[in-house]
Structure formats: structure tokens, C-alpha cells
Amino acid sequence: MHSDKGKHLKKGEENVNTGLLEAWRVWDFFYQHVTRLEYVNKENENIFRVVFCKYRGPKLDTRDGVAIYHGDPIVKLHIHNWKLTKKLYGIENETQLGIKTLRIVKESMPDLARYIENHPKGTNVKAIIGTTFLHRGVNRLGFDVANVPDSIKFKWKNMYLKFLLFLIHPNGTERLKTKPKELSIKRVYLSKKQLITRYAYSEIMEEKA
């Protein structure tokens, strides 16, 4: 009796999540057309979209010695959350979820590096900066991690990204209740120099090896 009830509840949650996911896809289509977001490589299923802009925030220091100041030219990194959610949907094991997320991000890095290197606005870019709660393990990809300012803007973004977890994870609602402190957004960043050096020609080097 209890197991059948649990199955029906889980099935109902999956149906709700699938419906919300489709509604989100439609919203994202319009969002893309009214913002300055640029696809890094839409045809290659790259999960990154970017905006070339000025940095607004406190000083940041990268591991390779680059200081990022308020007003410096940067690339604001956006994960295409709908696309990532589709790739991760249905994975219940948190370890597998984390491993696959890092793999997807890593696979998208070479295209990001080449896109910025060859972009007309890329010459003066100092760093690449994003905001996410998917920050565990990103140091292995070359990113540094810092806390975000305690502002209304970032509090709202934290709520939005928690909603995405509800869509991605079958047990997202339960995880929000049991591990709220782990689900706090962070600022992730790396210098353009490190991005280009590490990823722009990595695929070519692997082929030669």
C-alpha cells in the first residue's frame, strides 16, 4: 500500500516537473530574444551563453595573479540552464549528478575559449565570471570561487537557481529542505589568459597525443 502510494506520488512529481520544464523552454526562447546573451556554439550543444560587459563588484584575484576591478571588461558566463536541465533530468544519485555536470561543463570549455579568443570584443576581456550553485569541484576546471555580495539581486538569483534544482532533481524538493546551506550561490571566475591557455587548443593537443 505504502510503496504504491509512493510510486504514484513520485510519478505525479515527475509529471509536474516535465510540464514546468516545457513551460520554461518556451519562456527561455523569448528571454534569449530580448537579452544580449550570445550562444557560444548552439549547433554543438554547448551549454554556455555569454555577455560582454563591465564587471560590477568587489575586487577579485585569480590563481594566476590577475586582479579584476570594478569596471574591468569581462565576459559574464551564463549556463543554458534549460539545456543543462534536459541533460541531467532523471539522475537521482547526487554523486552521479555532480560528476555529469562537471563533465558537461568541461566539454563546453574549449568552444568557450575559442569563441572569446576570436570575438571582436574579446581582445580587452580580462576574465570570465559566472554565478551558480554548481560550484563544487569547479576549481579542478581552473575556476576560483568567491562569495557573492549580500544583496537583493543575488538573493533573488539564489531563489531562482533553487527552483532549477526542483526541476533537475527528482527529489529536489526534499533536498531543498535537508541541505539548504549547501545550496548557496557563489561567484566562479578565471582569467581569460588561463581559459585560452588551458582550453583553446586542448582538443587539438589531445588528437596529436
Foldseek 3Di string as FASTA:
>chain_A
DVVVVVVVVLVVLLVVLVVVLVVVVVVVVVVVVVDQWADLDVVVLQQKTKDWDFDADPWDAFPVGFIHHGGAIAIEIDGNLSSLLVVQAPDADPVVSLVVVVVSNLVNLQSVLQSLVPDPPNPRHWKYKYKALSPPPCVVVRKDKAADDPDPVQVVVLVVRLVSQSSRHSCSVVCCVPPVVSSHMIMIMHTSVCSNVPRNCVVVVVVVD
